[in-house]
Amino acid sequence: MTFALTVDWKFVAALGAAVSGIIMAAKMDPKTAGRVSAKVVDACKEYAIADKKQSQSPTELST
């Protein structure tokens, strides 16, 4: 039985960001941690929307 595991740099970066985010949130007071996490989620949503719009052709954007 052969088992192969491939880990790319995106996985390692996401794991590192998650761990550092948890450590920083544990050191902050709860209100600040909540505001920071809400800002991060909003930024990620805006990035995803912008990336989706950028990848669409101009005819798809007009519909």
PDB file of N, CA and C in Angstrom:
ATOM      1  N   MET A   1       0.850  -1.173   0.000  1.00  0.00           N
ATOM      2  CA  MET A   1       0.000   0.000   0.000  1.00  0.00           C
ATOM      3  C   MET A   1       0.902   1.244   0.000  1.00  0.00           C
ATOM      4  N   THR A   2       0.650   2.113  -0.939  1.00  0.00           N
ATOM      5  CA  THR A   2       1.451   3.324  -1.070  1.00  0.00           C
ATOM      6  C   THR A   2       0.613   4.528  -0.672  1.00  0.00           C
ATOM      7  N   PHE A   3       1.211   5.385   0.121  1.00  0.00           N
ATOM      8  CA  PHE A   3       0.518   6.593   0.566  1.00  0.00           C
ATOM      9  C   PHE A   3       1.392   7.791   0.242  1.00  0.00           C
ATOM     10  N   ALA A   4       0.843   8.727  -0.501  1.00  0.00           N
ATOM     11  CA  ALA A   4       1.605   9.921  -0.863  1.00  0.00           C
ATOM     12  C   ALA A   4       0.860  11.154  -0.363  1.00  0.00           C
ATOM     13  N   LEU A   5       1.596  12.062   0.201  1.00  0.00           N
ATOM     14  CA  LEU A   5       1.016  13.307   0.706  1.00  0.00           C
ATOM     15  C   LEU A   5       1.771  14.470   0.085  1.00  0.00           C
ATOM     16  N   THR A   6       1.021  15.341  -0.573  1.00  0.00           N
ATOM     17  CA  THR A   6       1.628  16.514  -1.194  1.00  0.00           C
ATOM     18  C   THR A   6       1.127  17.748  -0.466  1.00  0.00           C
ATOM     19  N   VAL A   7       2.048  18.548   0.022  1.00  0.00           N
ATOM     20  CA  VAL A   7       1.711  19.775   0.725  1.00  0.00           C
ATOM     21  C   VAL A   7       2.321  20.933  -0.053  1.00  0.00           C
ATOM     22  N   ASP A   8       1.492  21.871  -0.480  1.00  0.00           N
ATOM     23  CA  ASP A   8       2.026  23.015  -1.213  1.00  0.00           C
ATOM     24  C   ASP A   8       2.201  24.207  -0.267  1.00  0.00           C
ATOM     25  N   TRP A   9       2.788  25.256  -0.773  1.00  0.00           N
ATOM     26  CA  TRP A   9       3.118  26.415   0.047  1.00  0.00           C
ATOM     27  C   TRP A   9       1.870  27.132   0.561  1.00  0.00           C
ATOM     28  N   LYS A  10       0.755  27.051  -0.168  1.00  0.00           N
ATOM     29  CA  LYS A  10      -0.472  27.725   0.272  1.00  0.00           C
ATOM     30  C   LYS A  10      -1.002  27.095   1.553  1.00  0.00           C
ATOM     31  N   PHE A  11      -0.910  25.780   1.635  1.00  0.00           N
ATOM     32  CA  PHE A  11      -1.351  25.079   2.837  1.00  0.00           C
ATOM     33  C   PHE A  11      -0.505  25.489   4.040  1.00  0.00           C
ATOM     34  N   VAL A  12       0.798  25.532   3.846  1.00  0.00           N
ATOM     35  CA  VAL A  12       1.710  25.908   4.934  1.00  0.00           C
ATOM     36  C   VAL A  12       1.464  27.359   5.350  1.00  0.00           C
ATOM     37  N   ALA A  13       1.259  28.255   4.384  1.00  0.00           N
ATOM     38  CA  ALA A  13       0.997  29.660   4.700  1.00  0.00           C
ATOM     39  C   ALA A  13      -0.320  29.821   5.456  1.00  0.00           C
ATOM     40  N   ALA A  14      -1.357  29.112   5.020  1.00  0.00           N
ATOM     41  CA  ALA A  14      -2.654  29.202   5.697  1.00  0.00           C
ATOM     42  C   ALA A  14      -2.575  28.646   7.113  1.00  0.00           C
ATOM     43  N   LEU A  15      -1.867  27.554   7.283  1.00  0.00           N
ATOM     44  CA  LEU A  15      -1.712  26.972   8.611  1.00  0.00           C
ATOM     45  C   LEU A  15      -0.954  27.915   9.540  1.00  0.00           C
ATOM     46  N   GLY A  16       0.115  28.520   9.030  1.00  0.00           N
ATOM     47  CA  GLY A  16       0.883  29.478   9.826  1.00  0.00           C
ATOM     48  C   GLY A  16       0.065  30.708  10.189  1.00  0.00           C
ATOM     49  N   ALA A  17      -0.730  31.202   9.240  1.00  0.00           N
ATOM     50  CA  ALA A  17      -1.581  32.365   9.515  1.00  0.00           C
ATOM     51  C   ALA A  17      -2.640  32.033  10.558  1.00  0.00           C
ATOM     52  N   ALA A  18      -3.200  30.837  10.478  1.00  0.00           N
ATOM     53  CA  ALA A  18      -4.217  30.433  11.450  1.00  0.00           C
ATOM     54  C   ALA A  18      -3.629  30.317  12.851  1.00  0.00           C
ATOM     55  N   VAL A  19      -2.476  29.702  12.951  1.00  0.00           N
ATOM     56  CA  VAL A  19      -1.834  29.530  14.264  1.00  0.00           C
ATOM     57  C   VAL A  19      -1.452  30.887  14.854  1.00  0.00           C
ATOM     58  N   SER A  20      -0.865  31.755  14.038  1.00  0.00           N
ATOM     59  CA  SER A  20      -0.486  33.072  14.561  1.00  0.00           C
ATOM     60  C   SER A  20      -1.714  33.894  14.919  1.00  0.00           C
ATOM     61  N   GLY A  21      -2.789  33.756  14.154  1.00  0.00           N
ATOM     62  CA  GLY A  21      -4.036  34.453  14.485  1.00  0.00           C
ATOM     63  C   GLY A  21      -4.623  33.992  15.810  1.00  0.00           C
ATOM     64  N   ILE A  22      -4.570  32.710  16.055  1.00  0.00           N
ATOM     65  CA  ILE A  22      -5.084  32.168  17.322  1.00  0.00           C
ATOM     66  C   ILE A  22      -4.244  32.663  18.496  1.00  0.00           C
ATOM     67  N   ILE A  23      -2.932  32.661  18.324  1.00  0.00           N
ATOM     68  CA  ILE A  23      -2.055  33.129  19.405  1.00  0.00           C
ATOM     69  C   ILE A  23      -2.295  34.609  19.691  1.00  0.00           C
ATOM     70  N   MET A  24      -2.398  35.418  18.637  1.00  0.00           N
ATOM     71  CA  MET A  24      -2.632  36.854  18.838  1.00  0.00           C
ATOM     72  C   MET A  24      -4.003  37.115  19.461  1.00  0.00           C
ATOM     73  N   ALA A  25      -5.021  36.356  19.019  1.00  0.00           N
ATOM     74  CA  ALA A  25      -6.364  36.534  19.577  1.00  0.00           C
ATOM     75  C   ALA A  25      -6.402  36.144  21.053  1.00  0.00           C
ATOM     76  N   ALA A  26      -5.613  35.158  21.435  1.00  0.00           N
ATOM     77  CA  ALA A  26      -5.582  34.740  22.838  1.00  0.00           C
ATOM     78  C   ALA A  26      -4.961  35.816  23.727  1.00  0.00           C
ATOM     79  N   LYS A  27      -4.075  36.628  23.151  1.00  0.00           N
ATOM     80  CA  LYS A  27      -3.422  37.676  23.930  1.00  0.00           C
ATOM     81  C   LYS A  27      -4.223  38.975  23.966  1.00  0.00           C
ATOM     82  N   MET A  28      -5.214  39.126  23.091  1.00  0.00           N
ATOM     83  CA  MET A  28      -6.019  40.350  23.047  1.00  0.00           C
ATOM     84  C   MET A  28      -7.221  40.232  23.970  1.00  0.00           C
ATOM     85  N   ASP A  29      -7.799  41.398  24.279  1.00  0.00           N
ATOM     86  CA  ASP A  29      -9.060  41.333  25.012  1.00  0.00           C
ATOM     87  C   ASP A  29     -10.160  40.917  24.026  1.00  0.00           C
ATOM     88  N   PRO A  30     -11.256  40.346  24.507  1.00  0.00           N
ATOM     89  CA  PRO A  30     -12.277  39.777  23.616  1.00  0.00           C
ATOM     90  C   PRO A  30     -12.885  40.764  22.618  1.00  0.00           C
ATOM     91  N   LYS A  31     -13.132  42.002  23.040  1.00  0.00           N
ATOM     92  CA  LYS A  31     -13.729  42.970  22.114  1.00  0.00           C
ATOM     93  C   LYS A  31     -12.808  43.255  20.936  1.00  0.00           C
ATOM     94  N   THR A  32     -11.539  43.468  21.230  1.00  0.00           N
ATOM     95  CA  THR A  32     -10.570  43.760  20.175  1.00  0.00           C
ATOM     96  C   THR A  32     -10.405  42.565  19.250  1.00  0.00           C
ATOM     97  N   ALA A  33     -10.335  41.371  19.796  1.00  0.00           N
ATOM     98  CA  ALA A  33     -10.196  40.169  18.979  1.00  0.00           C
ATOM     99  C   ALA A  33     -11.400  40.003  18.053  1.00  0.00           C
ATOM    100  N   GLY A  34     -12.578  40.311  18.536  1.00  0.00           N
ATOM    101  CA  GLY A  34     -13.779  40.230  17.710  1.00  0.00           C
ATOM    102  C   GLY A  34     -13.756  41.222  16.563  1.00  0.00           C
ATOM    103  N   ARG A  35     -13.332  42.456  16.859  1.00  0.00           N
ATOM    104  CA  ARG A  35     -13.256  43.477  15.805  1.00  0.00           C
ATOM    105  C   ARG A  35     -12.214  43.114  14.763  1.00  0.00           C
ATOM    106  N   VAL A  36     -11.074  42.630  15.211  1.00  0.00           N
ATOM    107  CA  VAL A  36     -10.009  42.261  14.278  1.00  0.00           C
ATOM    108  C   VAL A  36     -10.455  41.106  13.389  1.00  0.00           C
ATOM    109  N   SER A  37     -11.061  40.096  13.963  1.00  0.00           N
ATOM    110  CA  SER A  37     -11.491  38.953  13.150  1.00  0.00           C
ATOM    111  C   SER A  37     -12.583  39.358  12.167  1.00  0.00           C
ATOM    112  N   ALA A  38     -13.469  40.269  12.558  1.00  0.00           N
ATOM    113  CA  ALA A  38     -14.495  40.755  11.630  1.00  0.00           C
ATOM    114  C   ALA A  38     -13.856  41.513  10.465  1.00  0.00           C
ATOM    115  N   LYS A  39     -12.841  42.319  10.740  1.00  0.00           N
ATOM    116  CA  LYS A  39     -12.133  43.049   9.680  1.00  0.00           C
ATOM    117  C   LYS A  39     -11.430  42.085   8.729  1.00  0.00           C
ATOM    118  N   VAL A  40     -10.827  41.028   9.278  1.00  0.00           N
ATOM    119  CA  VAL A  40     -10.129  40.050   8.440  1.00  0.00           C
ATOM    120  C   VAL A  40     -11.121  39.327   7.533  1.00  0.00           C
ATOM    121  N   VAL A  41     -12.262  38.951   8.071  1.00  0.00           N
ATOM    122  CA  VAL A  41     -13.279  38.272   7.264  1.00  0.00           C
ATOM    123  C   VAL A  41     -13.778  39.191   6.160  1.00  0.00           C
ATOM    124  N   ASP A  42     -14.045  40.456   6.480  1.00  0.00           N
ATOM    125  CA  ASP A  42     -14.481  41.417   5.459  1.00  0.00           C
ATOM    126  C   ASP A  42     -13.429  41.593   4.373  1.00  0.00           C
ATOM    127  N   ALA A  43     -12.171  41.685   4.756  1.00  0.00           N
ATOM    128  CA  ALA A  43     -11.097  41.841   3.777  1.00  0.00           C
ATOM    129  C   ALA A  43     -11.004  40.618   2.868  1.00  0.00           C
ATOM    130  N   CYS A  44     -11.154  39.436   3.430  1.00  0.00           N
ATOM    131  CA  CYS A  44     -11.099  38.216   2.621  1.00  0.00           C
ATOM    132  C   CYS A  44     -12.271  38.144   1.652  1.00  0.00           C
ATOM    133  N   LYS A  45     -13.470  38.541   2.108  1.00  0.00           N
ATOM    134  CA  LYS A  45     -14.622  38.548   1.214  1.00  0.00           C
ATOM    135  C   LYS A  45     -14.439  39.535   0.073  1.00  0.00           C
ATOM    136  N   GLU A  46     -13.931  40.730   0.377  1.00  0.00           N
ATOM    137  CA  GLU A  46     -13.698  41.727  -0.665  1.00  0.00           C
ATOM    138  C   GLU A  46     -12.656  41.240  -1.666  1.00  0.00           C
ATOM    139  N   TYR A  47     -11.618  40.591  -1.180  1.00  0.00           N
ATOM    140  CA  TYR A  47     -10.591  40.049  -2.071  1.00  0.00           C
ATOM    141  C   TYR A  47     -11.180  38.972  -2.975  1.00  0.00           C
ATOM    142  N   ALA A  48     -12.002  38.101  -2.421  1.00  0.00           N
ATOM    143  CA  ALA A  48     -12.602  37.029  -3.222  1.00  0.00           C
ATOM    144  C   ALA A  48     -13.531  37.602  -4.289  1.00  0.00           C
ATOM    145  N   ILE A  49     -14.304  38.616  -3.930  1.00  0.00           N
ATOM    146  CA  ILE A  49     -15.209  39.239  -4.899  1.00  0.00           C
ATOM    147  C   ILE A  49     -14.414  39.938  -5.994  1.00  0.00           C
ATOM    148  N   ALA A  50     -13.372  40.662  -5.622  1.00  0.00           N
ATOM    149  CA  ALA A  50     -12.550  41.361  -6.606  1.00  0.00           C
ATOM    150  C   ALA A  50     -11.843  40.371  -7.525  1.00  0.00           C
ATOM    151  N   ASP A  51     -11.367  39.273  -6.973  1.00  0.00           N
ATOM    152  CA  ASP A  51     -10.685  38.268  -7.776  1.00  0.00           C
ATOM    153  C   ASP A  51     -11.655  37.621  -8.757  1.00  0.00           C
ATOM    154  N   LYS A  52     -12.882  37.374  -8.309  1.00  0.00           N
ATOM    155  CA  LYS A  52     -13.891  36.774  -9.186  1.00  0.00           C
ATOM    156  C   LYS A  52     -14.235  37.727 -10.321  1.00  0.00           C
ATOM    157  N   LYS A  53     -14.402  39.014 -10.011  1.00  0.00           N
ATOM    158  CA  LYS A  53     -14.717  39.988 -11.048  1.00  0.00           C
ATOM    159  C   LYS A  53     -13.579  40.140 -12.034  1.00  0.00           C
ATOM    160  N   GLN A  54     -12.359  40.076 -11.551  1.00  0.00           N
ATOM    161  CA  GLN A  54     -11.195  40.226 -12.420  1.00  0.00           C
ATOM    162  C   GLN A  54     -11.077  39.039 -13.379  1.00  0.00           C
ATOM    163  N   SER A  55     -11.481  37.861 -12.936  1.00  0.00           N
ATOM    164  CA  SER A  55     -11.340  36.679 -13.767  1.00  0.00           C
ATOM    165  C   SER A  55     -12.454  36.556 -14.801  1.00  0.00           C
ATOM    166  N   GLN A  56     -13.542  37.318 -14.631  1.00  0.00           N
ATOM    167  CA  GLN A  56     -14.649  37.259 -15.582  1.00  0.00           C
ATOM    168  C   GLN A  56     -14.346  38.122 -16.801  1.00  0.00           C
ATOM    169  N   SER A  57     -14.923  37.738 -17.926  1.00  0.00           N
ATOM    170  CA  SER A  57     -14.753  38.534 -19.137  1.00  0.00           C
ATOM    171  C   SER A  57     -15.675  39.752 -19.052  1.00  0.00           C
ATOM    172  N   PRO A  58     -15.409  40.805 -19.826  1.00  0.00           N
ATOM    173  CA  PRO A  58     -16.249  42.012 -19.783  1.00  0.00           C
ATOM    174  C   PRO A  58     -17.718  41.756 -20.110  1.00  0.00           C
ATOM    175  N   THR A  59     -18.007  40.771 -20.954  1.00  0.00           N
ATOM    176  CA  THR A  59     -19.406  40.470 -21.276  1.00  0.00           C
ATOM    177  C   THR A  59     -20.112  39.825 -20.091  1.00  0.00           C
ATOM    178  N   GLU A  60     -19.404  39.029 -19.297  1.00  0.00           N
ATOM    179  CA  GLU A  60     -20.005  38.422 -18.118  1.00  0.00           C
ATOM    180  C   GLU A  60     -20.299  39.452 -17.043  1.00  0.00           C
ATOM    181  N   LEU A  61     -19.487  40.495 -16.957  1.00  0.00           N
ATOM    182  CA  LEU A  61     -19.687  41.526 -15.944  1.00  0.00           C
ATOM    183  C   LEU A  61     -20.928  42.364 -16.212  1.00  0.00           C
ATOM    184  N   SER A  62     -21.280  42.538 -17.482  1.00  0.00           N
ATOM    185  CA  SER A  62     -22.427  43.392 -17.814  1.00  0.00           C
ATOM    186  C   SER A  62     -23.751  42.709 -17.545  1.00  0.00           C
ATOM    187  N   THR A  63     -23.775  41.391 -17.405  1.00  0.00           N
ATOM    188  CA  THR A  63     -25.039  40.683 -17.156  1.00  0.00           C
ATOM    189  C   THR A  63     -25.371  40.613 -15.708  1.00  0.00           C
TER     190      THR A  63
END
